[in-house]
Amino acid sequence: GTYRFPLKDILWFYSDRRRVILVTEK
């Protein structure tokens, strides 16, 4: 689906092949 994250809750992003993964504490 579609997600919306406050910037303050995002730890980092990392790339994995053709994807990007958004990382939070949850």
PDB file of all heavy atoms in Angstrom:
ATOM      1  N   GLY A   1       0.816  -1.206   0.000  1.00  0.00           N
ATOM      2  CA  GLY A   1       0.000   0.000   0.000  1.00  0.00           C
ATOM      3  C   GLY A   1       0.851   1.258   0.000  1.00  0.00           C
ATOM      4  O   GLY A   1       2.037   1.242  -0.352  1.00  0.00           O
ATOM      5  N   THR A   2       0.247   2.363   0.423  1.00  0.00           N
ATOM      6  CA  THR A   2       0.923   3.659   0.500  1.00  0.00           C
ATOM      7  C   THR A   2       1.196   4.007   1.950  1.00  0.00           C
ATOM      8  O   THR A   2       0.320   3.850   2.804  1.00  0.00           O
ATOM      9  CB  THR A   2       0.058   4.764  -0.133  1.00  0.00           C
ATOM     10  OG1 THR A   2      -0.178   4.444  -1.511  1.00  0.00           O
ATOM     11  CG2 THR A   2       0.750   6.120  -0.051  1.00  0.00           C
ATOM     12  N   TYR A   3       2.402   4.464   2.223  1.00  0.00           N
ATOM     13  CA  TYR A   3       2.807   4.803   3.582  1.00  0.00           C
ATOM     14  C   TYR A   3       3.318   6.236   3.620  1.00  0.00           C
ATOM     15  O   TYR A   3       3.900   6.725   2.653  1.00  0.00           O
ATOM     16  CB  TYR A   3       3.928   3.870   4.066  1.00  0.00           C
ATOM     17  CG  TYR A   3       3.555   2.426   4.150  1.00  0.00           C
ATOM     18  CD1 TYR A   3       3.550   1.622   3.016  1.00  0.00           C
ATOM     19  CD2 TYR A   3       3.227   1.843   5.365  1.00  0.00           C
ATOM     20  CE1 TYR A   3       3.214   0.283   3.082  1.00  0.00           C
ATOM     21  CE2 TYR A   3       2.896   0.510   5.452  1.00  0.00           C
ATOM     22  CZ  TYR A   3       2.889  -0.271   4.301  1.00  0.00           C
ATOM     23  OH  TYR A   3       2.548  -1.599   4.373  1.00  0.00           O
ATOM     24  N   ARG A   4       3.109   6.890   4.765  1.00  0.00           N
ATOM     25  CA  ARG A   4       3.643   8.229   4.977  1.00  0.00           C
ATOM     26  C   ARG A   4       4.346   8.248   6.325  1.00  0.00           C
ATOM     27  O   ARG A   4       3.739   7.941   7.352  1.00  0.00           O
ATOM     28  CB  ARG A   4       2.527   9.276   4.926  1.00  0.00           C
ATOM     29  CG  ARG A   4       1.835   9.341   3.586  1.00  0.00           C
ATOM     30  CD  ARG A   4       0.631  10.264   3.589  1.00  0.00           C
ATOM     31  NE  ARG A   4       1.018  11.656   3.653  1.00  0.00           N
ATOM     32  CZ  ARG A   4       0.814  12.446   4.699  1.00  0.00           C
ATOM     33  NH1 ARG A   4       0.255  11.971   5.801  1.00  0.00           N
ATOM     34  NH2 ARG A   4       1.175  13.708   4.671  1.00  0.00           N
ATOM     35  N   PHE A   5       5.638   8.602   6.324  1.00  0.00           N
ATOM     36  CA  PHE A   5       6.442   8.573   7.542  1.00  0.00           C
ATOM     37  C   PHE A   5       6.925   9.973   7.895  1.00  0.00           C
ATOM     38  O   PHE A   5       7.460  10.681   7.034  1.00  0.00           O
ATOM     39  CB  PHE A   5       7.668   7.678   7.364  1.00  0.00           C
ATOM     40  CG  PHE A   5       7.361   6.238   7.139  1.00  0.00           C
ATOM     41  CD1 PHE A   5       7.178   5.748   5.857  1.00  0.00           C
ATOM     42  CD2 PHE A   5       7.247   5.358   8.207  1.00  0.00           C
ATOM     43  CE1 PHE A   5       6.892   4.413   5.638  1.00  0.00           C
ATOM     44  CE2 PHE A   5       6.967   4.032   8.004  1.00  0.00           C
ATOM     45  CZ  PHE A   5       6.785   3.549   6.717  1.00  0.00           C
ATOM     46  N   PRO A   6       6.789  10.388   9.147  1.00  0.00           N
ATOM     47  CA  PRO A   6       7.445  11.631   9.575  1.00  0.00           C
ATOM     48  C   PRO A   6       8.954  11.488   9.418  1.00  0.00           C
ATOM     49  O   PRO A   6       9.523  10.433   9.756  1.00  0.00           O
ATOM     50  CB  PRO A   6       7.049  11.747  11.053  1.00  0.00           C
ATOM     51  CG  PRO A   6       5.830  10.900  11.203  1.00  0.00           C
ATOM     52  CD  PRO A   6       6.000   9.770  10.222  1.00  0.00           C
ATOM     53  N   LEU A   7       9.617  12.502   8.899  1.00  0.00           N
ATOM     54  CA  LEU A   7      11.065  12.415   8.716  1.00  0.00           C
ATOM     55  C   LEU A   7      11.785  12.125  10.025  1.00  0.00           C
ATOM     56  O   LEU A   7      12.795  11.427  10.049  1.00  0.00           O
ATOM     57  CB  LEU A   7      11.593  13.719   8.111  1.00  0.00           C
ATOM     58  CG  LEU A   7      11.086  14.094   6.714  1.00  0.00           C
ATOM     59  CD1 LEU A   7      11.805  15.346   6.217  1.00  0.00           C
ATOM     60  CD2 LEU A   7      11.245  12.951   5.728  1.00  0.00           C
ATOM     61  N   LYS A   8      11.260  12.643  11.120  1.00  0.00           N
ATOM     62  CA  LYS A   8      11.905  12.458  12.413  1.00  0.00           C
ATOM     63  C   LYS A   8      11.885  11.007  12.877  1.00  0.00           C
ATOM     64  O   LYS A   8      12.652  10.638  13.778  1.00  0.00           O
ATOM     65  CB  LYS A   8      11.240  13.340  13.470  1.00  0.00           C
ATOM     66  CG  LYS A   8       9.784  13.027  13.731  1.00  0.00           C
ATOM     67  CD  LYS A   8       9.180  13.986  14.735  1.00  0.00           C
ATOM     68  CE  LYS A   8       7.693  13.726  14.955  1.00  0.00           C
ATOM     69  NZ  LYS A   8       7.402  12.364  15.437  1.00  0.00           N
ATOM     70  N   ASP A   9      11.041  10.161  12.282  1.00  0.00           N
ATOM     71  CA  ASP A   9      10.966   8.756  12.679  1.00  0.00           C
ATOM     72  C   ASP A   9      11.828   7.847  11.817  1.00  0.00           C
ATOM     73  O   ASP A   9      11.961   6.655  12.099  1.00  0.00           O
ATOM     74  CB  ASP A   9       9.515   8.260  12.606  1.00  0.00           C
ATOM     75  CG  ASP A   9       8.632   8.880  13.679  1.00  0.00           C
ATOM     76  OD1 ASP A   9       9.183   9.457  14.630  1.00  0.00           O
ATOM     77  OD2 ASP A   9       7.399   8.778  13.563  1.00  0.00           O
ATOM     78  N   ILE A  10      12.404   8.382  10.748  1.00  0.00           N
ATOM     79  CA  ILE A  10      13.217   7.570   9.834  1.00  0.00           C
ATOM     80  C   ILE A  10      14.657   7.524  10.335  1.00  0.00           C
ATOM     81  O   ILE A  10      15.252   8.557  10.649  1.00  0.00           O
ATOM     82  CB  ILE A  10      13.178   8.145   8.404  1.00  0.00           C
ATOM     83  CG1 ILE A  10      11.745   8.194   7.896  1.00  0.00           C
ATOM     84  CG2 ILE A  10      14.054   7.313   7.464  1.00  0.00           C
ATOM     85  CD1 ILE A  10      11.585   8.938   6.583  1.00  0.00           C
ATOM     86  N   LEU A  11      15.234   6.325  10.422  1.00  0.00           N
ATOM     87  CA  LEU A  11      16.624   6.163  10.850  1.00  0.00           C
ATOM     88  C   LEU A  11      17.576   6.295   9.671  1.00  0.00           C
ATOM     89  O   LEU A  11      18.491   7.103   9.694  1.00  0.00           O
ATOM     90  CB  LEU A  11      16.806   4.807  11.531  1.00  0.00           C
ATOM     91  CG  LEU A  11      15.942   4.545  12.774  1.00  0.00           C
ATOM     92  CD1 LEU A  11      16.194   3.141  13.303  1.00  0.00           C
ATOM     93  CD2 LEU A  11      16.226   5.581  13.852  1.00  0.00           C
ATOM     94  N   TRP A  12      17.359   5.475   8.660  1.00  0.00           N
ATOM     95  CA  TRP A  12      18.190   5.551   7.455  1.00  0.00           C
ATOM     96  C   TRP A  12      17.482   4.842   6.302  1.00  0.00           C
ATOM     97  O   TRP A  12      16.468   4.163   6.478  1.00  0.00           O
ATOM     98  CB  TRP A  12      19.579   4.948   7.686  1.00  0.00           C
ATOM     99  CG  TRP A  12      19.641   3.454   7.906  1.00  0.00           C
ATOM    100  CD1 TRP A  12      19.669   2.476   6.946  1.00  0.00           C
ATOM    101  CD2 TRP A  12      19.700   2.769   9.165  1.00  0.00           C
ATOM    102  NE1 TRP A  12      19.743   1.228   7.524  1.00  0.00           N
ATOM    103  CE2 TRP A  12      19.766   1.386   8.885  1.00  0.00           C
ATOM    104  CE3 TRP A  12      19.707   3.190  10.489  1.00  0.00           C
ATOM    105  CZ2 TRP A  12      19.831   0.411   9.890  1.00  0.00           C
ATOM    106  CZ3 TRP A  12      19.767   2.231  11.485  1.00  0.00           C
ATOM    107  CH2 TRP A  12      19.824   0.864  11.190  1.00  0.00           C
ATOM    108  N   PHE A  13      18.042   5.003   5.102  1.00  0.00           N
ATOM    109  CA  PHE A  13      17.627   4.278   3.910  1.00  0.00           C
ATOM    110  C   PHE A  13      18.825   3.465   3.429  1.00  0.00           C
ATOM    111  O   PHE A  13      19.974   3.891   3.582  1.00  0.00           O
ATOM    112  CB  PHE A  13      17.227   5.230   2.779  1.00  0.00           C
ATOM    113  CG  PHE A  13      16.019   6.075   3.047  1.00  0.00           C
ATOM    114  CD1 PHE A  13      16.130   7.259   3.761  1.00  0.00           C
ATOM    115  CD2 PHE A  13      14.767   5.709   2.551  1.00  0.00           C
ATOM    116  CE1 PHE A  13      15.022   8.065   3.987  1.00  0.00           C
ATOM    117  CE2 PHE A  13      13.658   6.507   2.775  1.00  0.00           C
ATOM    118  CZ  PHE A  13      13.779   7.676   3.490  1.00  0.00           C
ATOM    119  N   TYR A  14      18.560   2.313   2.842  1.00  0.00           N
ATOM    120  CA  TYR A  14      19.651   1.607   2.168  1.00  0.00           C
ATOM    121  C   TYR A  14      19.123   0.981   0.880  1.00  0.00           C
ATOM    122  O   TYR A  14      17.931   0.692   0.745  1.00  0.00           O
ATOM    123  CB  TYR A  14      20.300   0.553   3.071  1.00  0.00           C
ATOM    124  CG  TYR A  14      19.476  -0.664   3.413  1.00  0.00           C
ATOM    125  CD1 TYR A  14      19.516  -1.816   2.616  1.00  0.00           C
ATOM    126  CD2 TYR A  14      18.683  -0.678   4.560  1.00  0.00           C
ATOM    127  CE1 TYR A  14      18.783  -2.945   2.955  1.00  0.00           C
ATOM    128  CE2 TYR A  14      17.951  -1.808   4.907  1.00  0.00           C
ATOM    129  CZ  TYR A  14      18.005  -2.938   4.102  1.00  0.00           C
ATOM    130  OH  TYR A  14      17.267  -4.058   4.443  1.00  0.00           O
ATOM    131  N   SER A  15      20.005   0.842  -0.071  1.00  0.00           N
ATOM    132  CA  SER A  15      19.627   0.283  -1.362  1.00  0.00           C
ATOM    133  C   SER A  15      19.919  -1.209  -1.405  1.00  0.00           C
ATOM    134  O   SER A  15      20.887  -1.690  -0.811  1.00  0.00           O
ATOM    135  CB  SER A  15      20.370   0.999  -2.497  1.00  0.00           C
ATOM    136  OG  SER A  15      21.777   0.816  -2.355  1.00  0.00           O
ATOM    137  N   ASP A  16      19.057  -1.921  -2.113  1.00  0.00           N
ATOM    138  CA  ASP A  16      19.207  -3.368  -2.277  1.00  0.00           C
ATOM    139  C   ASP A  16      18.743  -3.719  -3.687  1.00  0.00           C
ATOM    140  O   ASP A  16      17.551  -3.831  -3.943  1.00  0.00           O
ATOM    141  CB  ASP A  16      18.365  -4.101  -1.230  1.00  0.00           C
ATOM    142  CG  ASP A  16      18.457  -5.619  -1.369  1.00  0.00           C
ATOM    143  OD1 ASP A  16      19.410  -6.089  -2.019  1.00  0.00           O
ATOM    144  OD2 ASP A  16      17.569  -6.313  -0.840  1.00  0.00           O
ATOM    145  N   ARG A  17      19.710  -3.819  -4.593  1.00  0.00           N
ATOM    146  CA  ARG A  17      19.429  -4.055  -5.999  1.00  0.00           C
ATOM    147  C   ARG A  17      18.568  -2.912  -6.551  1.00  0.00           C
ATOM    148  O   ARG A  17      18.995  -1.779  -6.548  1.00  0.00           O
ATOM    149  CB  ARG A  17      18.775  -5.425  -6.191  1.00  0.00           C
ATOM    150  CG  ARG A  17      19.663  -6.575  -5.702  1.00  0.00           C
ATOM    151  CD  ARG A  17      18.988  -7.916  -5.866  1.00  0.00           C
ATOM    152  NE  ARG A  17      19.850  -8.990  -5.401  1.00  0.00           N
ATOM    153  CZ  ARG A  17      19.884  -9.414  -4.145  1.00  0.00           C
ATOM    154  NH1 ARG A  17      19.098  -8.868  -3.224  1.00  0.00           N
ATOM    155  NH2 ARG A  17      20.711 -10.389  -3.785  1.00  0.00           N
ATOM    156  N   ARG A  18      17.348  -3.208  -7.001  1.00  0.00           N
ATOM    157  CA  ARG A  18      16.511  -2.152  -7.573  1.00  0.00           C
ATOM    158  C   ARG A  18      15.593  -1.513  -6.544  1.00  0.00           C
ATOM    159  O   ARG A  18      14.772  -0.662  -6.890  1.00  0.00           O
ATOM    160  CB  ARG A  18      15.664  -2.722  -8.717  1.00  0.00           C
ATOM    161  CG  ARG A  18      16.479  -3.156  -9.931  1.00  0.00           C
ATOM    162  CD  ARG A  18      15.562  -3.563 -11.067  1.00  0.00           C
ATOM    163  NE  ARG A  18      14.703  -4.678 -10.674  1.00  0.00           N
ATOM    164  CZ  ARG A  18      13.484  -4.886 -11.143  1.00  0.00           C
ATOM    165  NH1 ARG A  18      12.948  -4.028 -11.994  1.00  0.00           N
ATOM    166  NH2 ARG A  18      12.779  -5.938 -10.755  1.00  0.00           N
ATOM    167  N   ARG A  19      15.738  -1.895  -5.301  1.00  0.00           N
ATOM    168  CA  ARG A  19      14.856  -1.379  -4.260  1.00  0.00           C
ATOM    169  C   ARG A  19      15.606  -0.471  -3.292  1.00  0.00           C
ATOM    170  O   ARG A  19      16.823  -0.555  -3.152  1.00  0.00           O
ATOM    171  CB  ARG A  19      14.222  -2.520  -3.461  1.00  0.00           C
ATOM    172  CG  ARG A  19      13.421  -3.504  -4.287  1.00  0.00           C
ATOM    173  CD  ARG A  19      12.780  -4.522  -3.370  1.00  0.00           C
ATOM    174  NE  ARG A  19      13.760  -5.144  -2.499  1.00  0.00           N
ATOM    175  CZ  ARG A  19      13.457  -5.870  -1.423  1.00  0.00           C
ATOM    176  NH1 ARG A  19      12.201  -6.037  -1.081  1.00  0.00           N
ATOM    177  NH2 ARG A  19      14.408  -6.423  -0.690  1.00  0.00           N
ATOM    178  N   VAL A  20      14.830   0.382  -2.619  1.00  0.00           N
ATOM    179  CA  VAL A  20      15.325   1.165  -1.489  1.00  0.00           C
ATOM    180  C   VAL A  20      14.510   0.726  -0.274  1.00  0.00           C
ATOM    181  O   VAL A  20      13.302   0.507  -0.379  1.00  0.00           O
ATOM    182  CB  VAL A  20      15.162   2.676  -1.724  1.00  0.00           C
ATOM    183  CG1 VAL A  20      15.524   3.466  -0.472  1.00  0.00           C
ATOM    184  CG2 VAL A  20      16.021   3.122  -2.898  1.00  0.00           C
ATOM    185  N   ILE A  21      15.169   0.578   0.854  1.00  0.00           N
ATOM    186  CA  ILE A  21      14.489   0.165   2.079  1.00  0.00           C
ATOM    187  C   ILE A  21      14.568   1.294   3.094  1.00  0.00           C
ATOM    188  O   ILE A  21      15.657   1.792   3.405  1.00  0.00           O
ATOM    189  CB  ILE A  21      15.090  -1.124   2.672  1.00  0.00           C
ATOM    190  CG1 ILE A  21      14.827  -2.316   1.745  1.00  0.00           C
ATOM    191  CG2 ILE A  21      14.469  -1.413   4.047  1.00  0.00           C
ATOM    192  CD1 ILE A  21      15.761  -2.482   0.609  1.00  0.00           C
ATOM    193  N   LEU A  22      13.408   1.731   3.564  1.00  0.00           N
ATOM    194  CA  LEU A  22      13.309   2.742   4.615  1.00  0.00           C
ATOM    195  C   LEU A  22      13.318   2.022   5.958  1.00  0.00           C
ATOM    196  O   LEU A  22      12.571   1.055   6.162  1.00  0.00           O
ATOM    197  CB  LEU A  22      12.029   3.551   4.423  1.00  0.00           C
ATOM    198  CG  LEU A  22      11.709   4.671   5.411  1.00  0.00           C
ATOM    199  CD1 LEU A  22      10.849   5.744   4.715  1.00  0.00           C
ATOM    200  CD2 LEU A  22      10.974   4.162   6.644  1.00  0.00           C
ATOM    201  N   VAL A  23      14.137   2.493   6.885  1.00  0.00           N
ATOM    202  CA  VAL A  23      14.292   1.829   8.186  1.00  0.00           C
ATOM    203  C   VAL A  23      13.809   2.747   9.308  1.00  0.00           C
ATOM    204  O   VAL A  23      14.219   3.917   9.387  1.00  0.00           O
ATOM    205  CB  VAL A  23      15.765   1.453   8.439  1.00  0.00           C
ATOM    206  CG1 VAL A  23      15.918   0.746   9.789  1.00  0.00           C
ATOM    207  CG2 VAL A  23      16.292   0.563   7.314  1.00  0.00           C
ATOM    208  N   THR A  24      12.924   2.222  10.152  1.00  0.00           N
ATOM    209  CA  THR A  24      12.494   2.907  11.370  1.00  0.00           C
ATOM    210  C   THR A  24      12.720   1.971  12.547  1.00  0.00           C
ATOM    211  O   THR A  24      13.121   0.815  12.365  1.00  0.00           O
ATOM    212  CB  THR A  24      10.999   3.288  11.318  1.00  0.00           C
ATOM    213  OG1 THR A  24      10.202   2.100  11.471  1.00  0.00           O
ATOM    214  CG2 THR A  24      10.653   3.975  10.013  1.00  0.00           C
ATOM    215  N   GLU A  25      12.451   2.443  13.739  1.00  0.00           N
ATOM    216  CA  GLU A  25      12.595   1.589  14.912  1.00  0.00           C
ATOM    217  C   GLU A  25      11.601   0.434  14.893  1.00  0.00           C
ATOM    218  O   GLU A  25      11.826  -0.592  15.539  1.00  0.00           O
ATOM    219  CB  GLU A  25      12.412   2.415  16.187  1.00  0.00           C
ATOM    220  CG  GLU A  25      13.535   3.417  16.438  1.00  0.00           C
ATOM    221  CD  GLU A  25      13.333   4.200  17.714  1.00  0.00           C
ATOM    222  OE1 GLU A  25      12.250   4.039  18.334  1.00  0.00           O
ATOM    223  OE2 GLU A  25      14.231   4.966  18.104  1.00  0.00           O
ATOM    224  N   LYS A  26      10.518   0.587  14.163  1.00  0.00           N
ATOM    225  CA  LYS A  26       9.468  -0.431  14.146  1.00  0.00           C
ATOM    226  C   LYS A  26       9.588  -1.427  13.007  1.00  0.00           C
ATOM    227  O   LYS A  26       8.898  -2.442  12.995  1.00  0.00           O
ATOM    228  CB  LYS A  26       8.095   0.243  14.098  1.00  0.00           C
ATOM    229  CG  LYS A  26       7.775   1.044  15.355  1.00  0.00           C
ATOM    230  CD  LYS A  26       6.396   1.639  15.281  1.00  0.00           C
ATOM    231  CE  LYS A  26       6.064   2.400  16.558  1.00  0.00           C
ATOM    232  NZ  LYS A  26       4.716   3.009  16.509  1.00  0.00           N
TER     233      LYS A  26
END
